[in-house]
Amino acid sequence: MKEKKFYPDYFSEIIVSILIAVEVLIILALLYYPSIGRQIDFTKPFQPRPEWYFLWLYQLVRYFPGKSAFIGTVMIPVASVLLLLFIPYIDRGKNGRVRAIMAGSAILSAFVIFTLLSLL
């Protein structure tokens, strides 16, 4: 039996596999093309909505209107990011792991709750 070498034996197999994969991908892309965004209903007034990952911030703006919007849009998000950055330091000491888990869970649950509230 002849020993296979990388070039040209394995190299040609790799090239053929890549070409088959690209052909399958092109065929699937042509058969199942994505829809073009949301359907527009021109009878309703336009209400801009942010993407899902900004919905929690959109909800915070509702709770802090007017001049207090700086608190809801800057101070609370910066405080939550700082809390996430300080979790390694919170984790030290006795019961540190529990406090770190509580801090992370509080931020995550606030994110989820505000996102769900903005969908209502």
PDB file of N, CA and C in Angstrom:
ATOM      1  N   MET A   1       0.844  -1.179   0.000  1.00  0.00           N
ATOM      2  CA  MET A   1       0.000   0.000   0.000  1.00  0.00           C
ATOM      3  C   MET A   1       0.889   1.241   0.000  1.00  0.00           C
ATOM      4  N   LYS A   2       0.511   2.198  -0.826  1.00  0.00           N
ATOM      5  CA  LYS A   2       1.286   3.419  -0.970  1.00  0.00           C
ATOM      6  C   LYS A   2       1.001   4.356   0.205  1.00  0.00           C
ATOM      7  N   GLU A   3       2.042   4.932   0.757  1.00  0.00           N
ATOM      8  CA  GLU A   3       1.891   5.867   1.867  1.00  0.00           C
ATOM      9  C   GLU A   3       1.419   7.216   1.318  1.00  0.00           C
ATOM     10  N   LYS A   4       0.393   7.775   1.972  1.00  0.00           N
ATOM     11  CA  LYS A   4      -0.146   9.065   1.530  1.00  0.00           C
ATOM     12  C   LYS A   4       0.705  10.196   2.086  1.00  0.00           C
ATOM     13  N   LYS A   5       0.933  11.174   1.240  1.00  0.00           N
ATOM     14  CA  LYS A   5       1.644  12.372   1.654  1.00  0.00           C
ATOM     15  C   LYS A   5       0.655  13.519   1.736  1.00  0.00           C
ATOM     16  N   PHE A   6       1.045  14.559   2.472  1.00  0.00           N
ATOM     17  CA  PHE A   6       0.145  15.694   2.601  1.00  0.00           C
ATOM     18  C   PHE A   6      -0.131  16.320   1.239  1.00  0.00           C
ATOM     19  N   TYR A   7       0.954  16.569   0.491  1.00  0.00           N
ATOM     20  CA  TYR A   7       0.777  17.127  -0.835  1.00  0.00           C
ATOM     21  C   TYR A   7       1.166  16.087  -1.847  1.00  0.00           C
ATOM     22  N   PRO A   8       0.365  15.712  -2.745  1.00  0.00           N
ATOM     23  CA  PRO A   8      -0.913  16.231  -3.183  1.00  0.00           C
ATOM     24  C   PRO A   8      -2.117  15.433  -2.667  1.00  0.00           C
ATOM     25  N   ASP A   9      -1.872  14.322  -1.932  1.00  0.00           N
ATOM     26  CA  ASP A   9      -2.977  13.423  -1.581  1.00  0.00           C
ATOM     27  C   ASP A   9      -3.964  14.066  -0.600  1.00  0.00           C
ATOM     28  N   TYR A  10      -3.535  14.402   0.604  1.00  0.00           N
ATOM     29  CA  TYR A  10      -4.431  14.975   1.600  1.00  0.00           C
ATOM     30  C   TYR A  10      -4.883  16.379   1.194  1.00  0.00           C
ATOM     31  N   PHE A  11      -3.987  17.121   0.558  1.00  0.00           N
ATOM     32  CA  PHE A  11      -4.330  18.473   0.136  1.00  0.00           C
ATOM     33  C   PHE A  11      -5.493  18.472  -0.848  1.00  0.00           C
ATOM     34  N   SER A  12      -5.472  17.561  -1.793  1.00  0.00           N
ATOM     35  CA  SER A  12      -6.574  17.491  -2.762  1.00  0.00           C
ATOM     36  C   SER A  12      -7.873  17.066  -2.075  1.00  0.00           C
ATOM     37  N   GLU A  13      -7.814  16.178  -1.094  1.00  0.00           N
ATOM     38  CA  GLU A  13      -9.017  15.794  -0.354  1.00  0.00           C
ATOM     39  C   GLU A  13      -9.586  16.982   0.418  1.00  0.00           C
ATOM     40  N   ILE A  14      -8.721  17.784   1.023  1.00  0.00           N
ATOM     41  CA  ILE A  14      -9.164  18.958   1.772  1.00  0.00           C
ATOM     42  C   ILE A  14      -9.819  19.966   0.833  1.00  0.00           C
ATOM     43  N   ILE A  15      -9.213  20.212  -0.328  1.00  0.00           N
ATOM     44  CA  ILE A  15      -9.771  21.169  -1.287  1.00  0.00           C
ATOM     45  C   ILE A  15     -11.136  20.702  -1.780  1.00  0.00           C
ATOM     46  N   VAL A  16     -11.280  19.415  -2.083  1.00  0.00           N
ATOM     47  CA  VAL A  16     -12.566  18.882  -2.545  1.00  0.00           C
ATOM     48  C   VAL A  16     -13.618  19.004  -1.439  1.00  0.00           C
ATOM     49  N   SER A  17     -13.254  18.717  -0.194  1.00  0.00           N
ATOM     50  CA  SER A  17     -14.190  18.848   0.923  1.00  0.00           C
ATOM     51  C   SER A  17     -14.639  20.296   1.113  1.00  0.00           C
ATOM     52  N   ILE A  18     -13.719  21.233   0.989  1.00  0.00           N
ATOM     53  CA  ILE A  18     -14.060  22.644   1.133  1.00  0.00           C
ATOM     54  C   ILE A  18     -14.993  23.084   0.007  1.00  0.00           C
ATOM     55  N   LEU A  19     -14.716  22.652  -1.218  1.00  0.00           N
ATOM     56  CA  LEU A  19     -15.573  23.030  -2.340  1.00  0.00           C
ATOM     57  C   LEU A  19     -16.976  22.459  -2.188  1.00  0.00           C
ATOM     58  N   ILE A  20     -17.100  21.231  -1.710  1.00  0.00           N
ATOM     59  CA  ILE A  20     -18.420  20.634  -1.488  1.00  0.00           C
ATOM     60  C   ILE A  20     -19.169  21.391  -0.396  1.00  0.00           C
ATOM     61  N   ALA A  21     -18.481  21.731   0.673  1.00  0.00           N
ATOM     62  CA  ALA A  21     -19.123  22.470   1.763  1.00  0.00           C
ATOM     63  C   ALA A  21     -19.590  23.845   1.297  1.00  0.00           C
ATOM     64  N   VAL A  22     -18.781  24.532   0.491  1.00  0.00           N
ATOM     65  CA  VAL A  22     -19.162  25.845  -0.025  1.00  0.00           C
ATOM     66  C   VAL A  22     -20.352  25.718  -0.973  1.00  0.00           C
ATOM     67  N   GLU A  23     -20.370  24.698  -1.813  1.00  0.00           N
ATOM     68  CA  GLU A  23     -21.496  24.491  -2.719  1.00  0.00           C
ATOM     69  C   GLU A  23     -22.783  24.225  -1.945  1.00  0.00           C
ATOM     70  N   VAL A  24     -22.712  23.403  -0.912  1.00  0.00           N
ATOM     71  CA  VAL A  24     -23.897  23.129  -0.094  1.00  0.00           C
ATOM     72  C   VAL A  24     -24.372  24.402   0.593  1.00  0.00           C
ATOM     73  N   LEU A  25     -23.448  25.189   1.103  1.00  0.00           N
ATOM     74  CA  LEU A  25     -23.803  26.446   1.754  1.00  0.00           C
ATOM     75  C   LEU A  25     -24.460  27.414   0.775  1.00  0.00           C
ATOM     76  N   ILE A  26     -23.952  27.515  -0.428  1.00  0.00           N
ATOM     77  CA  ILE A  26     -24.542  28.406  -1.428  1.00  0.00           C
ATOM     78  C   ILE A  26     -25.931  27.929  -1.817  1.00  0.00           C
ATOM     79  N   ILE A  27     -26.108  26.631  -1.995  1.00  0.00           N
ATOM     80  CA  ILE A  27     -27.427  26.096  -2.339  1.00  0.00           C
ATOM     81  C   ILE A  27     -28.428  26.366  -1.229  1.00  0.00           C
ATOM     82  N   LEU A  28     -28.041  26.141   0.030  1.00  0.00           N
ATOM     83  CA  LEU A  28     -28.941  26.413   1.147  1.00  0.00           C
ATOM     84  C   LEU A  28     -29.251  27.897   1.270  1.00  0.00           C
ATOM     85  N   ALA A  29     -28.278  28.756   1.011  1.00  0.00           N
ATOM     86  CA  ALA A  29     -28.508  30.199   1.084  1.00  0.00           C
ATOM     87  C   ALA A  29     -29.467  30.661  -0.012  1.00  0.00           C
ATOM     88  N   LEU A  30     -29.396  30.041  -1.182  1.00  0.00           N
ATOM     89  CA  LEU A  30     -30.303  30.420  -2.258  1.00  0.00           C
ATOM     90  C   LEU A  30     -31.710  29.854  -2.056  1.00  0.00           C
ATOM     91  N   LEU A  31     -31.809  28.692  -1.451  1.00  0.00           N
ATOM     92  CA  LEU A  31     -33.127  28.095  -1.231  1.00  0.00           C
ATOM     93  C   LEU A  31     -33.860  28.722  -0.054  1.00  0.00           C
ATOM     94  N   TYR A  32     -33.147  29.028   1.008  1.00  0.00           N
ATOM     95  CA  TYR A  32     -33.760  29.543   2.231  1.00  0.00           C
ATOM     96  C   TYR A  32     -33.206  30.930   2.545  1.00  0.00           C
ATOM     97  N   TYR A  33     -33.552  31.914   1.731  1.00  0.00           N
ATOM     98  CA  TYR A  33     -33.048  33.258   1.964  1.00  0.00           C
ATOM     99  C   TYR A  33     -33.800  33.899   3.138  1.00  0.00           C
ATOM    100  N   PRO A  34     -33.154  34.774   3.873  1.00  0.00           N
ATOM    101  CA  PRO A  34     -33.801  35.394   5.039  1.00  0.00           C
ATOM    102  C   PRO A  34     -34.800  36.467   4.613  1.00  0.00           C
ATOM    103  N   SER A  35     -35.767  36.708   5.482  1.00  0.00           N
ATOM    104  CA  SER A  35     -36.727  37.774   5.188  1.00  0.00           C
ATOM    105  C   SER A  35     -36.054  39.127   5.381  1.00  0.00           C
ATOM    106  N   ILE A  36     -36.634  40.145   4.810  1.00  0.00           N
ATOM    107  CA  ILE A  36     -36.033  41.472   4.864  1.00  0.00           C
ATOM    108  C   ILE A  36     -36.659  42.252   6.009  1.00  0.00           C
ATOM    109  N   GLY A  37     -36.189  42.036   7.216  1.00  0.00           N
ATOM    110  CA  GLY A  37     -36.616  42.812   8.375  1.00  0.00           C
ATOM    111  C   GLY A  37     -38.072  42.626   8.751  1.00  0.00           C
ATOM    112  N   ARG A  38     -38.567  43.573   9.528  1.00  0.00           N
ATOM    113  CA  ARG A  38     -39.946  43.522  10.011  1.00  0.00           C
ATOM    114  C   ARG A  38     -40.904  44.033   8.953  1.00  0.00           C
ATOM    115  N   GLN A  39     -42.134  43.549   8.996  1.00  0.00           N
ATOM    116  CA  GLN A  39     -43.168  44.058   8.116  1.00  0.00           C
ATOM    117  C   GLN A  39     -43.659  45.389   8.661  1.00  0.00           C
ATOM    118  N   ILE A  40     -43.867  46.347   7.805  1.00  0.00           N
ATOM    119  CA  ILE A  40     -44.268  47.681   8.223  1.00  0.00           C
ATOM    120  C   ILE A  40     -45.771  47.825   8.052  1.00  0.00           C
ATOM    121  N   ASP A  41     -46.421  48.291   9.108  1.00  0.00           N
ATOM    122  CA  ASP A  41     -47.844  48.591   9.057  1.00  0.00           C
ATOM    123  C   ASP A  41     -47.976  50.112   9.010  1.00  0.00           C
ATOM    124  N   PHE A  42     -48.366  50.628   7.847  1.00  0.00           N
ATOM    125  CA  PHE A  42     -48.418  52.076   7.665  1.00  0.00           C
ATOM    126  C   PHE A  42     -49.635  52.718   8.317  1.00  0.00           C
ATOM    127  N   THR A  43     -50.565  51.908   8.846  1.00  0.00           N
ATOM    128  CA  THR A  43     -51.744  52.477   9.495  1.00  0.00           C
ATOM    129  C   THR A  43     -51.467  52.874  10.939  1.00  0.00           C
ATOM    130  N   LYS A  44     -50.420  52.360  11.544  1.00  0.00           N
ATOM    131  CA  LYS A  44     -50.068  52.684  12.921  1.00  0.00           C
ATOM    132  C   LYS A  44     -48.980  53.750  12.946  1.00  0.00           C
ATOM    133  N   PRO A  45     -48.954  54.576  13.997  1.00  0.00           N
ATOM    134  CA  PRO A  45     -47.863  55.558  14.093  1.00  0.00           C
ATOM    135  C   PRO A  45     -46.536  54.846  14.381  1.00  0.00           C
ATOM    136  N   PHE A  46     -45.466  55.462  13.922  1.00  0.00           N
ATOM    137  CA  PHE A  46     -44.138  54.872  14.084  1.00  0.00           C
ATOM    138  C   PHE A  46     -43.680  54.985  15.530  1.00  0.00           C
ATOM    139  N   GLN A  47     -43.306  53.869  16.112  1.00  0.00           N
ATOM    140  CA  GLN A  47     -42.763  53.843  17.463  1.00  0.00           C
ATOM    141  C   GLN A  47     -41.422  53.119  17.414  1.00  0.00           C
ATOM    142  N   PRO A  48     -40.332  53.864  17.455  1.00  0.00           N
ATOM    143  CA  PRO A  48     -39.025  53.205  17.396  1.00  0.00           C
ATOM    144  C   PRO A  48     -38.767  52.375  18.648  1.00  0.00           C
ATOM    145  N   ARG A  49     -38.223  51.188  18.458  1.00  0.00           N
ATOM    146  CA  ARG A  49     -37.882  50.297  19.569  1.00  0.00           C
ATOM    147  C   ARG A  49     -36.437  49.849  19.391  1.00  0.00           C
ATOM    148  N   PRO A  50     -35.691  49.820  20.478  1.00  0.00           N
ATOM    149  CA  PRO A  50     -34.304  49.354  20.367  1.00  0.00           C
ATOM    150  C   PRO A  50     -34.256  47.823  20.232  1.00  0.00           C
ATOM    151  N   GLU A  51     -33.084  47.326  19.973  1.00  0.00           N
ATOM    152  CA  GLU A  51     -32.889  45.882  19.925  1.00  0.00           C
ATOM    153  C   GLU A  51     -33.051  45.299  21.321  1.00  0.00           C
ATOM    154  N   TRP A  52     -33.156  43.984  21.411  1.00  0.00           N
ATOM    155  CA  TRP A  52     -33.497  43.332  22.679  1.00  0.00           C
ATOM    156  C   TRP A  52     -32.451  43.593  23.759  1.00  0.00           C
ATOM    157  N   TYR A  53     -31.194  43.740  23.396  1.00  0.00           N
ATOM    158  CA  TYR A  53     -30.155  43.906  24.409  1.00  0.00           C
ATOM    159  C   TYR A  53     -30.100  45.324  24.973  1.00  0.00           C
ATOM    160  N   PHE A  54     -30.867  46.268  24.400  1.00  0.00           N
ATOM    161  CA  PHE A  54     -30.982  47.603  24.957  1.00  0.00           C
ATOM    162  C   PHE A  54     -32.343  47.870  25.572  1.00  0.00           C
ATOM    163  N   LEU A  55     -33.225  46.864  25.594  1.00  0.00           N
ATOM    164  CA  LEU A  55     -34.566  47.089  26.121  1.00  0.00           C
ATOM    165  C   LEU A  55     -34.552  47.443  27.605  1.00  0.00           C
ATOM    166  N   TRP A  56     -33.623  46.906  28.368  1.00  0.00           N
ATOM    167  CA  TRP A  56     -33.562  47.226  29.794  1.00  0.00           C
ATOM    168  C   TRP A  56     -33.227  48.695  30.003  1.00  0.00           C
ATOM    169  N   LEU A  57     -32.363  49.246  29.160  1.00  0.00           N
ATOM    170  CA  LEU A  57     -32.027  50.654  29.244  1.00  0.00           C
ATOM    171  C   LEU A  57     -33.201  51.519  28.796  1.00  0.00           C
ATOM    172  N   TYR A  58     -33.925  51.058  27.811  1.00  0.00           N
ATOM    173  CA  TYR A  58     -35.132  51.729  27.337  1.00  0.00           C
ATOM    174  C   TYR A  58     -36.165  51.798  28.460  1.00  0.00           C
ATOM    175  N   GLN A  59     -36.278  50.746  29.252  1.00  0.00           N
ATOM    176  CA  GLN A  59     -37.205  50.738  30.380  1.00  0.00           C
ATOM    177  C   GLN A  59     -36.729  51.678  31.482  1.00  0.00           C
ATOM    178  N   LEU A  60     -35.431  51.750  31.720  1.00  0.00           N
ATOM    179  CA  LEU A  60     -34.907  52.668  32.730  1.00  0.00           C
ATOM    180  C   LEU A  60     -35.188  54.125  32.378  1.00  0.00           C
ATOM    181  N   VAL A  61     -35.193  54.448  31.100  1.00  0.00           N
ATOM    182  CA  VAL A  61     -35.505  55.807  30.680  1.00  0.00           C
ATOM    183  C   VAL A  61     -36.946  56.154  31.036  1.00  0.00           C
ATOM    184  N   ARG A  62     -37.829  55.171  30.997  1.00  0.00           N
ATOM    185  CA  ARG A  62     -39.224  55.407  31.393  1.00  0.00           C
ATOM    186  C   ARG A  62     -39.336  55.728  32.879  1.00  0.00           C
ATOM    187  N   TYR A  63     -38.495  55.109  33.701  1.00  0.00           N
ATOM    188  CA  TYR A  63     -38.562  55.352  35.140  1.00  0.00           C
ATOM    189  C   TYR A  63     -37.861  56.640  35.557  1.00  0.00           C
ATOM    190  N   PHE A  64     -36.949  57.118  34.723  1.00  0.00           N
ATOM    191  CA  PHE A  64     -36.207  58.342  35.032  1.00  0.00           C
ATOM    192  C   PHE A  64     -36.375  59.336  33.874  1.00  0.00           C
ATOM    193  N   PRO A  65     -37.549  59.975  33.772  1.00  0.00           N
ATOM    194  CA  PRO A  65     -37.764  60.905  32.657  1.00  0.00           C
ATOM    195  C   PRO A  65     -37.158  62.284  32.950  1.00  0.00           C
ATOM    196  N   GLY A  66     -37.018  63.059  31.905  1.00  0.00           N
ATOM    197  CA  GLY A  66     -36.584  64.450  32.046  1.00  0.00           C
ATOM    198  C   GLY A  66     -35.154  64.606  32.510  1.00  0.00           C
ATOM    199  N   LYS A  67     -34.971  65.477  33.506  1.00  0.00           N
ATOM    200  CA  LYS A  67     -33.620  65.802  33.982  1.00  0.00           C
ATOM    201  C   LYS A  67     -32.979  64.660  34.751  1.00  0.00           C
ATOM    202  N   SER A  68     -33.780  63.725  35.255  1.00  0.00           N
ATOM    203  CA  SER A  68     -33.203  62.587  35.977  1.00  0.00           C
ATOM    204  C   SER A  68     -32.830  61.435  35.053  1.00  0.00           C
ATOM    205  N   ALA A  69     -32.915  61.641  33.739  1.00  0.00           N
ATOM    206  CA  ALA A  69     -32.559  60.587  32.781  1.00  0.00           C
ATOM    207  C   ALA A  69     -31.090  60.210  32.891  1.00  0.00           C
ATOM    208  N   PHE A  70     -30.242  61.134  33.331  1.00  0.00           N
ATOM    209  CA  PHE A  70     -28.817  60.848  33.497  1.00  0.00           C
ATOM    210  C   PHE A  70     -28.603  59.733  34.515  1.00  0.00           C
ATOM    211  N   ILE A  71     -29.431  59.708  35.546  1.00  0.00           N
ATOM    212  CA  ILE A  71     -29.313  58.654  36.564  1.00  0.00           C
ATOM    213  C   ILE A  71     -29.640  57.300  35.964  1.00  0.00           C
ATOM    214  N   GLY A  72     -30.732  57.234  35.190  1.00  0.00           N
ATOM    215  CA  GLY A  72     -31.172  55.955  34.634  1.00  0.00           C
ATOM    216  C   GLY A  72     -30.366  55.470  33.457  1.00  0.00           C
ATOM    217  N   THR A  73     -29.776  56.385  32.703  1.00  0.00           N
ATOM    218  CA  THR A  73     -29.069  55.964  31.500  1.00  0.00           C
ATOM    219  C   THR A  73     -27.562  55.916  31.641  1.00  0.00           C
ATOM    220  N   VAL A  74     -27.018  56.589  32.664  1.00  0.00           N
ATOM    221  CA  VAL A  74     -25.566  56.593  32.832  1.00  0.00           C
ATOM    222  C   VAL A  74     -25.155  56.014  34.180  1.00  0.00           C
ATOM    223  N   MET A  75     -25.711  56.539  35.246  1.00  0.00           N
ATOM    224  CA  MET A  75     -25.224  56.170  36.580  1.00  0.00           C
ATOM    225  C   MET A  75     -25.546  54.722  36.938  1.00  0.00           C
ATOM    226  N   ILE A  76     -26.764  54.270  36.688  1.00  0.00           N
ATOM    227  CA  ILE A  76     -27.129  52.886  37.034  1.00  0.00           C
ATOM    228  C   ILE A  76     -26.355  51.877  36.179  1.00  0.00           C
ATOM    229  N   PRO A  77     -26.258  52.047  34.837  1.00  0.00           N
ATOM    230  CA  PRO A  77     -25.441  51.098  34.065  1.00  0.00           C
ATOM    231  C   PRO A  77     -23.965  51.111  34.457  1.00  0.00           C
ATOM    232  N   VAL A  78     -23.407  52.283  34.732  1.00  0.00           N
ATOM    233  CA  VAL A  78     -21.997  52.348  35.143  1.00  0.00           C
ATOM    234  C   VAL A  78     -21.809  51.677  36.499  1.00  0.00           C
ATOM    235  N   ALA A  79     -22.763  51.870  37.410  1.00  0.00           N
ATOM    236  CA  ALA A  79     -22.672  51.219  38.720  1.00  0.00           C
ATOM    237  C   ALA A  79     -22.752  49.697  38.586  1.00  0.00           C
ATOM    238  N   SER A  80     -23.595  49.211  37.679  1.00  0.00           N
ATOM    239  CA  SER A  80     -23.696  47.757  37.513  1.00  0.00           C
ATOM    240  C   SER A  80     -22.432  47.182  36.880  1.00  0.00           C
ATOM    241  N   VAL A  81     -21.822  47.901  35.941  1.00  0.00           N
ATOM    242  CA  VAL A  81     -20.563  47.441  35.349  1.00  0.00           C
ATOM    243  C   VAL A  81     -19.444  47.460  36.388  1.00  0.00           C
ATOM    244  N   LEU A  82     -19.406  48.513  37.200  1.00  0.00           N
ATOM    245  CA  LEU A  82     -18.403  48.564  38.260  1.00  0.00           C
ATOM    246  C   LEU A  82     -18.584  47.434  39.270  1.00  0.00           C
ATOM    247  N   LEU A  83     -19.832  47.111  39.585  1.00  0.00           N
ATOM    248  CA  LEU A  83     -20.096  45.992  40.484  1.00  0.00           C
ATOM    249  C   LEU A  83     -19.591  44.681  39.880  1.00  0.00           C
ATOM    250  N   LEU A  84     -19.794  44.503  38.568  1.00  0.00           N
ATOM    251  CA  LEU A  84     -19.272  43.302  37.911  1.00  0.00           C
ATOM    252  C   LEU A  84     -17.743  43.279  37.924  1.00  0.00           C
ATOM    253  N   LEU A  85     -17.119  44.444  37.774  1.00  0.00           N
ATOM    254  CA  LEU A  85     -15.658  44.499  37.799  1.00  0.00           C
ATOM    255  C   LEU A  85     -15.093  44.205  39.185  1.00  0.00           C
ATOM    256  N   PHE A  86     -15.850  44.540  40.230  1.00  0.00           N
ATOM    257  CA  PHE A  86     -15.369  44.328  41.593  1.00  0.00           C
ATOM    258  C   PHE A  86     -15.748  42.965  42.166  1.00  0.00           C
ATOM    259  N   ILE A  87     -16.391  42.119  41.396  1.00  0.00           N
ATOM    260  CA  ILE A  87     -16.774  40.795  41.907  1.00  0.00           C
ATOM    261  C   ILE A  87     -15.566  39.972  42.361  1.00  0.00           C
ATOM    262  N   PRO A  88     -14.414  40.004  41.680  1.00  0.00           N
ATOM    263  CA  PRO A  88     -13.269  39.250  42.210  1.00  0.00           C
ATOM    264  C   PRO A  88     -12.839  39.720  43.600  1.00  0.00           C
ATOM    265  N   TYR A  89     -13.014  40.999  43.895  1.00  0.00           N
ATOM    266  CA  TYR A  89     -12.648  41.510  45.211  1.00  0.00           C
ATOM    267  C   TYR A  89     -13.733  41.224  46.249  1.00  0.00           C
ATOM    268  N   ILE A  90     -14.974  41.160  45.782  1.00  0.00           N
ATOM    269  CA  ILE A  90     -16.076  40.802  46.680  1.00  0.00           C
ATOM    270  C   ILE A  90     -15.956  39.331  47.080  1.00  0.00           C
ATOM    271  N   ASP A  91     -15.401  38.523  46.189  1.00  0.00           N
ATOM    272  CA  ASP A  91     -15.312  37.078  46.392  1.00  0.00           C
ATOM    273  C   ASP A  91     -14.321  36.694  47.489  1.00  0.00           C
ATOM    274  N   ARG A  92     -13.467  37.583  47.893  1.00  0.00           N
ATOM    275  CA  ARG A  92     -12.471  37.270  48.922  1.00  0.00           C
ATOM    276  C   ARG A  92     -13.107  37.264  50.300  1.00  0.00           C
ATOM    277  N   GLY A  93     -12.494  36.543  51.197  1.00  0.00           N
ATOM    278  CA  GLY A  93     -12.937  36.545  52.592  1.00  0.00           C
ATOM    279  C   GLY A  93     -14.017  35.515  52.866  1.00  0.00           C
ATOM    280  N   LYS A  94     -14.493  35.569  54.103  1.00  0.00           N
ATOM    281  CA  LYS A  94     -15.505  34.619  54.536  1.00  0.00           C
ATOM    282  C   LYS A  94     -16.843  34.974  53.878  1.00  0.00           C
ATOM    283  N   ASN A  95     -17.527  33.968  53.367  1.00  0.00           N
ATOM    284  CA  ASN A  95     -18.808  34.114  52.662  1.00  0.00           C
ATOM    285  C   ASN A  95     -18.689  35.006  51.435  1.00  0.00           C
ATOM    286  N   GLY A  96     -17.502  35.134  50.894  1.00  0.00           N
ATOM    287  CA  GLY A  96     -17.302  35.976  49.721  1.00  0.00           C
ATOM    288  C   GLY A  96     -17.964  35.411  48.485  1.00  0.00           C
ATOM    289  N   ARG A  97     -17.917  34.087  48.341  1.00  0.00           N
ATOM    290  CA  ARG A  97     -18.512  33.461  47.169  1.00  0.00           C
ATOM    291  C   ARG A  97     -20.014  33.704  47.141  1.00  0.00           C
ATOM    292  N   VAL A  98     -20.647  33.642  48.294  1.00  0.00           N
ATOM    293  CA  VAL A  98     -22.094  33.868  48.368  1.00  0.00           C
ATOM    294  C   VAL A  98     -22.420  35.311  47.991  1.00  0.00           C
ATOM    295  N   ARG A  99     -21.627  36.267  48.481  1.00  0.00           N
ATOM    296  CA  ARG A  99     -21.863  37.674  48.143  1.00  0.00           C
ATOM    297  C   ARG A  99     -21.635  37.934  46.657  1.00  0.00           C
ATOM    298  N   ALA A 100     -20.636  37.303  46.077  1.00  0.00           N
ATOM    299  CA  ALA A 100     -20.369  37.483  44.651  1.00  0.00           C
ATOM    300  C   ALA A 100     -21.506  36.900  43.811  1.00  0.00           C
ATOM    301  N   ILE A 101     -21.996  35.740  44.212  1.00  0.00           N
ATOM    302  CA  ILE A 101     -23.119  35.133  43.491  1.00  0.00           C
ATOM    303  C   ILE A 101     -24.362  35.993  43.627  1.00  0.00           C
ATOM    304  N   MET A 102     -24.579  36.549  44.809  1.00  0.00           N
ATOM    305  CA  MET A 102     -25.735  37.426  45.018  1.00  0.00           C
ATOM    306  C   MET A 102     -25.629  38.689  44.158  1.00  0.00           C
ATOM    307  N   ALA A 103     -24.436  39.269  44.062  1.00  0.00           N
ATOM    308  CA  ALA A 103     -24.250  40.484  43.261  1.00  0.00           C
ATOM    309  C   ALA A 103     -24.483  40.195  41.779  1.00  0.00           C
ATOM    310  N   GLY A 104     -23.910  39.102  41.281  1.00  0.00           N
ATOM    311  CA  GLY A 104     -24.116  38.731  39.880  1.00  0.00           C
ATOM    312  C   GLY A 104     -25.555  38.378  39.583  1.00  0.00           C
ATOM    313  N   SER A 105     -26.204  37.676  40.506  1.00  0.00           N
ATOM    314  CA  SER A 105     -27.613  37.314  40.322  1.00  0.00           C
ATOM    315  C   SER A 105     -28.502  38.540  40.344  1.00  0.00           C
ATOM    316  N   ALA A 106     -28.182  39.519  41.186  1.00  0.00           N
ATOM    317  CA  ALA A 106     -28.982  40.748  41.252  1.00  0.00           C
ATOM    318  C   ALA A 106     -28.890  41.516  39.936  1.00  0.00           C
ATOM    319  N   ILE A 107     -27.695  41.607  39.371  1.00  0.00           N
ATOM    320  CA  ILE A 107     -27.541  42.326  38.108  1.00  0.00           C
ATOM    321  C   ILE A 107     -28.244  41.591  36.981  1.00  0.00           C
ATOM    322  N   LEU A 108     -28.082  40.274  36.932  1.00  0.00           N
ATOM    323  CA  LEU A 108     -28.723  39.488  35.884  1.00  0.00           C
ATOM    324  C   LEU A 108     -30.241  39.540  36.000  1.00  0.00           C
ATOM    325  N   SER A 109     -30.768  39.414  37.211  1.00  0.00           N
ATOM    326  CA  SER A 109     -32.226  39.453  37.373  1.00  0.00           C
ATOM    327  C   SER A 109     -32.776  40.835  37.058  1.00  0.00           C
ATOM    328  N   ALA A 110     -32.052  41.906  37.404  1.00  0.00           N
ATOM    329  CA  ALA A 110     -32.497  43.261  37.053  1.00  0.00           C
ATOM    330  C   ALA A 110     -32.535  43.427  35.535  1.00  0.00           C
ATOM    331  N   PHE A 111     -31.516  42.909  34.850  1.00  0.00           N
ATOM    332  CA  PHE A 111     -31.485  42.959  33.387  1.00  0.00           C
ATOM    333  C   PHE A 111     -32.681  42.235  32.793  1.00  0.00           C
ATOM    334  N   VAL A 112     -32.969  41.034  33.278  1.00  0.00           N
ATOM    335  CA  VAL A 112     -34.077  40.241  32.743  1.00  0.00           C
ATOM    336  C   VAL A 112     -35.422  40.896  33.061  1.00  0.00           C
ATOM    337  N   ILE A 113     -35.587  41.380  34.284  1.00  0.00           N
ATOM    338  CA  ILE A 113     -36.860  41.988  34.683  1.00  0.00           C
ATOM    339  C   ILE A 113     -37.129  43.256  33.883  1.00  0.00           C
ATOM    340  N   PHE A 114     -36.137  44.128  33.750  1.00  0.00           N
ATOM    341  CA  PHE A 114     -36.347  45.353  32.990  1.00  0.00           C
ATOM    342  C   PHE A 114     -36.575  45.068  31.510  1.00  0.00           C
ATOM    343  N   THR A 115     -35.925  44.035  30.979  1.00  0.00           N
ATOM    344  CA  THR A 115     -36.164  43.663  29.581  1.00  0.00           C
ATOM    345  C   THR A 115     -37.586  43.165  29.401  1.00  0.00           C
ATOM    346  N   LEU A 116     -38.044  42.311  30.305  1.00  0.00           N
ATOM    347  CA  LEU A 116     -39.415  41.800  30.183  1.00  0.00           C
ATOM    348  C   LEU A 116     -40.447  42.891  30.410  1.00  0.00           C
ATOM    349  N   LEU A 117     -40.194  43.817  31.322  1.00  0.00           N
ATOM    350  CA  LEU A 117     -41.129  44.921  31.554  1.00  0.00           C
ATOM    351  C   LEU A 117     -41.242  45.813  30.330  1.00  0.00           C
ATOM    352  N   SER A 118     -40.175  45.994  29.589  1.00  0.00           N
ATOM    353  CA  SER A 118     -40.234  46.857  28.418  1.00  0.00           C
ATOM    354  C   SER A 118     -41.003  46.215  27.268  1.00  0.00           C
ATOM    355  N   LEU A 119     -41.165  44.901  27.298  1.00  0.00           N
ATOM    356  CA  LEU A 119     -41.926  44.224  26.256  1.00  0.00           C
ATOM    357  C   LEU A 119     -43.432  44.326  26.474  1.00  0.00           C
ATOM    358  N   LEU A 120     -43.850  44.661  27.676  1.00  0.00           N
ATOM    359  CA  LEU A 120     -45.283  44.771  27.971  1.00  0.00           C
ATOM    360  C   LEU A 120     -45.888  46.038  27.457  1.00  0.00           C
TER     361      LEU A 120
END
